[in-house]
Amino acid sequence: MSQTHFGYQTVDAADKAGRVRGVFDSVATRYDLMNDVLSLGLHRVWKAYTVTVANVQPGDQVLDIAGGTGDLARAFARRAGSSGRVVLSDINEAMLRTGRDRLLDEGLALPIAACDAERLPFSTGSAGDTGATGNTGAIASSGSRASGFDLVSVAFGLRNMTHKESALREMARVLKPGGRLLVLEFSRPAAVLQKPYDWYSFSFMPLMGRLVAGDGDSYRYLAESIRMHPDQAALKAMMQNCGFAHVDVHNLAGGIVALHVGVKC
């Protein structure tokens, strides 16, 4: 049986998705609050920058993977308008329910899909439904708009996926030619930031996780998962090997976060 990492632990690859699901089941109701606490609100700036770079236009077809509580999906939907379509997806149903409820509270009813990013329920080059749905919602058939997604996004979710290359190939598969993938993720900070960032990650994050979310262990895993994620250059090469002809890297916060923008071949 193949093995992979779960933070600093080595686990059977078949078990990782379930372990990750447990982490986010635990933190779903406090996820947005913890994001504000741990980033001092900067996650909102990083996401706003991502939305600006995405440049979603009216009528665009967008898939937000690991979209959780719906921050990006909400912003994309407002730009895509009634002629566009934004699908919110996540493997974790607790996160997806939280996101759905937040969106409904703001008057947005988006199609949602509880699905694994390594096995997306969309046809190749088509934004139409293959019949797969999650327990928290369904993906309505797109009818004549089955021309592929214009944009796929994944924010702070790729590092939790078991087989990142498989997920990236799936993202490329459902994009139309020339479509773009935006990956917003924690990355490798500048050397001068490394020591304070290590203290923040392994002391402050678990402490606040315990005090605010009642779960220090989950936030220790999240800190470890960042260290196990490919750095900027490695992720760029991985995306190029998975079907993206051109990849730009935008470093944010001294490289603590990076936005990778790939264009499908």
Protein backbone atom coordinates (compact mmCIF):
# COMPACT_ATOMS: atom_id res chain seq x y z
CA MET A 1 0.00 0.00 0.00
CA SER A 2 1.39 3.46 -0.91
CA GLN A 3 2.12 5.96 1.82
CA THR A 4 2.01 9.73 2.07
CA HIS A 5 2.38 12.44 4.67
CA PHE A 6 -0.23 13.77 7.06
CA GLY A 7 1.65 16.71 8.47
CA TYR A 8 4.87 15.16 9.75
CA GLN A 9 3.30 11.71 10.10
CA THR A 10 3.61 8.98 7.48
CA VAL A 11 0.23 7.37 6.80
CA ASP A 12 -1.36 5.06 4.25
CA ALA A 13 -2.37 7.14 1.25
CA ALA A 14 -5.88 5.68 1.41
CA ASP A 15 -6.32 7.08 4.91
CA LYS A 16 -5.24 10.67 4.36
CA ALA A 17 -8.48 12.06 2.95
CA GLY A 18 -10.38 10.75 5.96
CA ARG A 19 -7.89 12.28 8.36
CA VAL A 20 -8.07 15.63 6.59
CA ARG A 21 -11.85 15.43 6.68
CA GLY A 22 -11.67 14.95 10.44
CA VAL A 23 -9.52 18.07 10.83
CA PHE A 24 -12.00 20.25 8.98
CA ASP A 25 -15.04 18.63 10.61
CA SER A 26 -13.51 19.81 13.87
CA VAL A 27 -12.80 23.40 12.85
CA ALA A 28 -15.60 24.15 10.33
CA THR A 29 -17.77 26.33 12.58
CA ARG A 30 -14.80 28.44 13.73
CA TYR A 31 -12.83 28.35 10.47
CA ASP A 32 -13.51 31.94 9.37
CA LEU A 33 -12.92 33.34 12.85
CA MET A 34 -9.62 31.44 13.10
CA ASN A 35 -8.53 32.72 9.69
CA ASP A 36 -9.03 36.28 10.92
CA VAL A 37 -7.24 35.60 14.20
CA LEU A 38 -4.26 33.74 12.76
CA SER A 39 -3.65 36.00 9.77
CA LEU A 40 -4.64 39.26 11.51
CA GLY A 41 -7.17 39.61 8.71
CA LEU A 42 -4.56 39.32 5.95
CA HIS A 43 -6.28 36.29 4.41
CA ARG A 44 -8.93 38.73 3.19
CA VAL A 45 -6.27 40.78 1.43
CA TRP A 46 -4.75 37.67 -0.19
CA LYS A 47 -8.15 36.52 -1.39
CA ALA A 48 -9.03 39.98 -2.68
CA TYR A 49 -5.79 39.98 -4.66
CA THR A 50 -6.69 36.56 -6.07
CA VAL A 51 -10.11 37.84 -7.14
CA THR A 52 -8.46 40.81 -8.86
CA VAL A 53 -6.02 38.55 -10.74
CA ALA A 54 -8.86 36.17 -11.66
CA ASN A 55 -10.64 39.02 -13.46
CA VAL A 56 -13.88 37.03 -13.75
CA GLN A 57 -16.16 38.47 -16.43
CA PRO A 58 -19.96 38.35 -16.80
CA GLY A 59 -20.94 34.96 -18.21
CA ASP A 60 -17.80 33.13 -17.03
CA GLN A 61 -17.95 29.54 -15.81
CA VAL A 62 -15.99 29.12 -12.56
CA LEU A 63 -15.20 26.15 -10.32
CA ASP A 64 -13.99 26.89 -6.80
CA ILE A 65 -12.34 23.74 -5.39
CA ALA A 66 -11.89 23.24 -1.64
CA GLY A 67 -14.00 26.38 -1.46
CA GLY A 68 -15.05 25.75 2.12
CA THR A 69 -16.97 28.65 3.55
CA GLY A 70 -17.34 30.35 0.18
CA ASP A 71 -15.21 33.52 0.29
CA LEU A 72 -13.91 33.23 -3.27
CA ALA A 73 -17.11 31.73 -4.69
CA ARG A 74 -19.11 34.69 -3.38
CA ALA A 75 -16.76 37.21 -4.97
CA PHE A 76 -16.63 35.31 -8.27
CA ALA A 77 -20.42 34.96 -8.42
CA ARG A 78 -20.93 38.69 -8.09
CA ARG A 79 -18.62 39.25 -11.03
CA ALA A 80 -19.90 36.41 -13.22
CA GLY A 81 -23.46 37.69 -12.84
CA SER A 82 -26.67 35.93 -13.76
CA SER A 83 -25.28 34.87 -17.14
CA GLY A 84 -22.34 33.08 -15.51
CA ARG A 85 -22.05 30.11 -13.21
CA VAL A 86 -19.91 29.53 -10.13
CA VAL A 87 -19.76 26.06 -8.58
CA LEU A 88 -18.65 25.77 -4.96
CA SER A 89 -17.03 22.41 -4.18
CA ASP A 90 -15.30 20.81 -1.22
CA ILE A 91 -14.56 17.27 -0.08
CA ASN A 92 -15.65 18.17 3.44
CA GLU A 93 -19.40 18.37 3.85
CA ALA A 94 -19.28 20.27 7.16
CA MET A 95 -17.28 23.04 5.49
CA LEU A 96 -19.57 22.98 2.47
CA ARG A 97 -22.70 23.28 4.60
CA THR A 98 -21.18 26.25 6.39
CA GLY A 99 -20.34 27.87 3.07
CA ARG A 100 -23.78 27.17 1.60
CA ASP A 101 -25.50 28.70 4.63
CA ARG A 102 -23.32 31.80 4.52
CA LEU A 103 -24.01 32.30 0.84
CA LEU A 104 -27.76 31.82 1.29
CA ASP A 105 -27.72 34.38 4.11
CA GLU A 106 -26.28 36.83 1.56
CA GLY A 107 -28.86 35.96 -1.09
CA LEU A 108 -26.62 33.73 -3.22
CA ALA A 109 -27.81 30.23 -4.15
CA LEU A 110 -24.87 28.63 -5.95
CA PRO A 111 -24.59 25.06 -7.25
CA ILE A 112 -22.46 23.05 -4.84
CA ALA A 113 -20.67 19.71 -5.05
CA ALA A 114 -19.27 17.55 -2.28
CA CYS A 115 -16.49 15.89 -4.23
CA ASP A 116 -12.85 14.83 -4.26
CA ALA A 117 -10.62 17.14 -6.32
CA GLU A 118 -8.79 14.05 -7.59
CA ARG A 119 -12.05 12.80 -9.16
CA LEU A 120 -14.05 15.82 -10.26
CA PRO A 121 -17.64 15.04 -11.36
CA PHE A 122 -17.37 17.01 -14.61
CA SER A 123 -16.84 15.91 -18.17
CA THR A 124 -13.58 16.69 -19.93
CA GLY A 125 -13.69 20.25 -21.16
CA SER A 126 -17.30 20.60 -20.04
CA ALA A 127 -18.99 22.44 -17.23
CA GLY A 128 -21.93 20.04 -17.45
CA ASP A 129 -22.94 17.59 -14.75
CA THR A 130 -21.98 13.91 -15.04
CA GLY A 131 -24.66 12.96 -12.55
CA ALA A 132 -22.43 12.99 -9.48
CA THR A 133 -23.76 15.01 -6.56
CA GLY A 134 -22.92 15.49 -2.92
CA ASN A 135 -25.18 15.15 0.09
CA THR A 136 -25.21 18.92 0.60
CA GLY A 137 -26.32 19.95 -2.85
CA ALA A 138 -26.52 19.13 -6.51
CA ILE A 139 -24.93 20.41 -9.67
CA ALA A 140 -27.56 21.44 -12.15
CA SER A 141 -26.98 20.60 -15.79
CA SER A 142 -25.52 23.53 -17.69
CA GLY A 143 -27.21 22.64 -20.95
CA SER A 144 -25.82 24.67 -23.84
CA ARG A 145 -23.03 26.11 -21.67
CA ALA A 146 -21.00 22.89 -21.76
CA SER A 147 -17.86 24.58 -23.09
CA GLY A 148 -15.61 24.04 -20.08
CA PHE A 149 -14.70 26.17 -17.11
CA ASP A 150 -13.04 29.48 -17.79
CA LEU A 151 -11.46 29.48 -14.34
CA VAL A 152 -10.70 26.96 -11.61
CA SER A 153 -9.54 28.17 -8.19
CA VAL A 154 -8.25 26.44 -5.08
CA ALA A 155 -7.33 28.49 -2.00
CA PHE A 156 -5.45 26.90 0.88
CA GLY A 157 -6.62 23.44 -0.13
CA LEU A 158 -4.07 21.90 -2.47
CA ARG A 159 -1.63 21.06 0.31
CA ASN A 160 -4.26 18.84 1.96
CA MET A 161 -4.78 16.69 -1.15
CA THR A 162 -3.27 13.22 -1.15
CA HIS A 163 -2.11 13.12 -4.77
CA LYS A 164 -1.51 16.72 -5.81
CA GLU A 165 -0.52 15.81 -9.37
CA SER A 166 -3.77 13.89 -9.87
CA ALA A 167 -5.76 16.83 -8.58
CA LEU A 168 -3.92 19.30 -10.82
CA ARG A 169 -4.52 17.09 -13.86
CA GLU A 170 -8.21 16.96 -13.01
CA MET A 171 -8.30 20.74 -12.75
CA ALA A 172 -6.63 21.01 -16.15
CA ARG A 173 -9.04 18.43 -17.58
CA VAL A 174 -12.20 20.38 -16.74
CA LEU A 175 -10.83 23.71 -17.98
CA LYS A 176 -11.45 24.77 -21.52
CA PRO A 177 -8.35 25.44 -23.68
CA GLY A 178 -6.79 28.67 -22.50
CA GLY A 179 -8.64 28.46 -19.19
CA ARG A 180 -6.78 29.39 -16.04
CA LEU A 181 -6.07 27.74 -12.70
CA LEU A 182 -5.41 29.92 -9.65
CA VAL A 183 -3.74 28.21 -6.68
CA LEU A 184 -3.52 30.36 -3.54
CA GLU A 185 -1.47 28.53 -0.95
CA PHE A 186 1.02 28.91 1.87
CA SER A 187 4.54 28.63 0.54
CA ARG A 188 8.22 29.23 1.39
CA PRO A 189 8.89 32.62 3.01
CA ALA A 190 12.03 34.69 2.57
CA ALA A 191 14.93 33.49 4.74
CA VAL A 192 14.72 36.49 7.06
CA LEU A 193 11.14 35.51 7.96
CA GLN A 194 11.77 31.82 8.56
CA LYS A 195 12.52 31.83 12.31
CA PRO A 196 9.64 34.09 13.37
CA TYR A 197 7.35 32.19 11.01
CA ASP A 198 8.35 28.88 12.62
CA TRP A 199 7.53 30.28 16.06
CA TYR A 200 4.20 31.56 14.80
CA SER A 201 3.37 28.23 13.14
CA PHE A 202 4.31 25.82 15.91
CA SER A 203 3.61 27.89 19.03
CA PHE A 204 1.04 30.57 18.26
CA MET A 205 -1.18 28.63 15.83
CA PRO A 206 -1.77 25.57 18.06
CA LEU A 207 -2.26 27.82 21.10
CA MET A 208 -4.92 29.91 19.39
CA GLY A 209 -6.45 26.76 17.92
CA ARG A 210 -6.87 25.41 21.43
CA LEU A 211 -8.17 28.67 22.92
CA VAL A 212 -10.49 29.78 20.11
CA ALA A 213 -11.48 26.60 18.25
CA GLY A 214 -10.95 24.11 21.06
CA ASP A 215 -8.58 22.08 18.87
CA GLY A 216 -4.86 22.71 19.03
CA ASP A 217 -3.95 19.43 17.30
CA SER A 218 -5.74 20.33 14.08
CA TYR A 219 -3.87 23.60 13.84
CA ARG A 220 -0.57 21.87 14.53
CA TYR A 221 -1.36 19.58 11.59
CA LEU A 222 -2.12 22.60 9.40
CA ALA A 223 1.25 24.14 10.33
CA GLU A 224 3.02 20.87 9.51
CA SER A 225 1.14 20.51 6.22
CA ILE A 226 2.51 23.88 5.10
CA ARG A 227 6.08 22.63 5.62
CA MET A 228 5.38 19.50 3.58
CA HIS A 229 3.87 21.41 0.65
CA PRO A 230 6.02 22.10 -2.44
CA ASP A 231 7.68 25.52 -2.48
CA GLN A 232 7.07 28.08 -5.21
CA ALA A 233 9.45 26.63 -7.80
CA ALA A 234 8.43 23.03 -7.15
CA LEU A 235 4.72 23.78 -7.44
CA LYS A 236 5.29 25.75 -10.63
CA ALA A 237 7.12 22.78 -12.17
CA MET A 238 4.38 20.42 -10.97
CA MET A 239 1.69 22.54 -12.63
CA GLN A 240 3.67 22.69 -15.87
CA ASN A 241 3.93 18.89 -15.81
CA CYS A 242 0.17 18.59 -15.30
CA GLY A 243 -1.04 20.47 -18.37
CA PHE A 244 -0.39 24.15 -17.76
CA ALA A 245 1.71 25.72 -20.49
CA HIS A 246 2.48 28.93 -18.65
CA VAL A 247 2.63 29.47 -14.88
CA ASP A 248 3.19 32.80 -13.11
CA VAL A 249 4.05 33.01 -9.42
CA HIS A 250 2.95 35.97 -7.28
CA ASN A 251 4.62 36.05 -3.86
CA LEU A 252 2.57 37.66 -1.09
CA ALA A 253 3.63 38.55 2.45
CA GLY A 254 7.28 37.85 1.74
CA GLY A 255 6.52 34.45 0.25
CA ILE A 256 4.51 33.19 3.21
CA VAL A 257 1.70 32.89 0.66
CA ALA A 258 2.00 32.49 -3.10
CA LEU A 259 -0.55 32.70 -5.89
CA HIS A 260 0.26 30.44 -8.82
CA VAL A 261 -1.58 31.23 -12.06
CA GLY A 262 -1.49 28.53 -14.71
CA VAL A 263 -2.89 28.63 -18.27
CA LYS A 264 -4.11 25.36 -19.74
CA CYS A 265 -2.27 24.19 -22.86
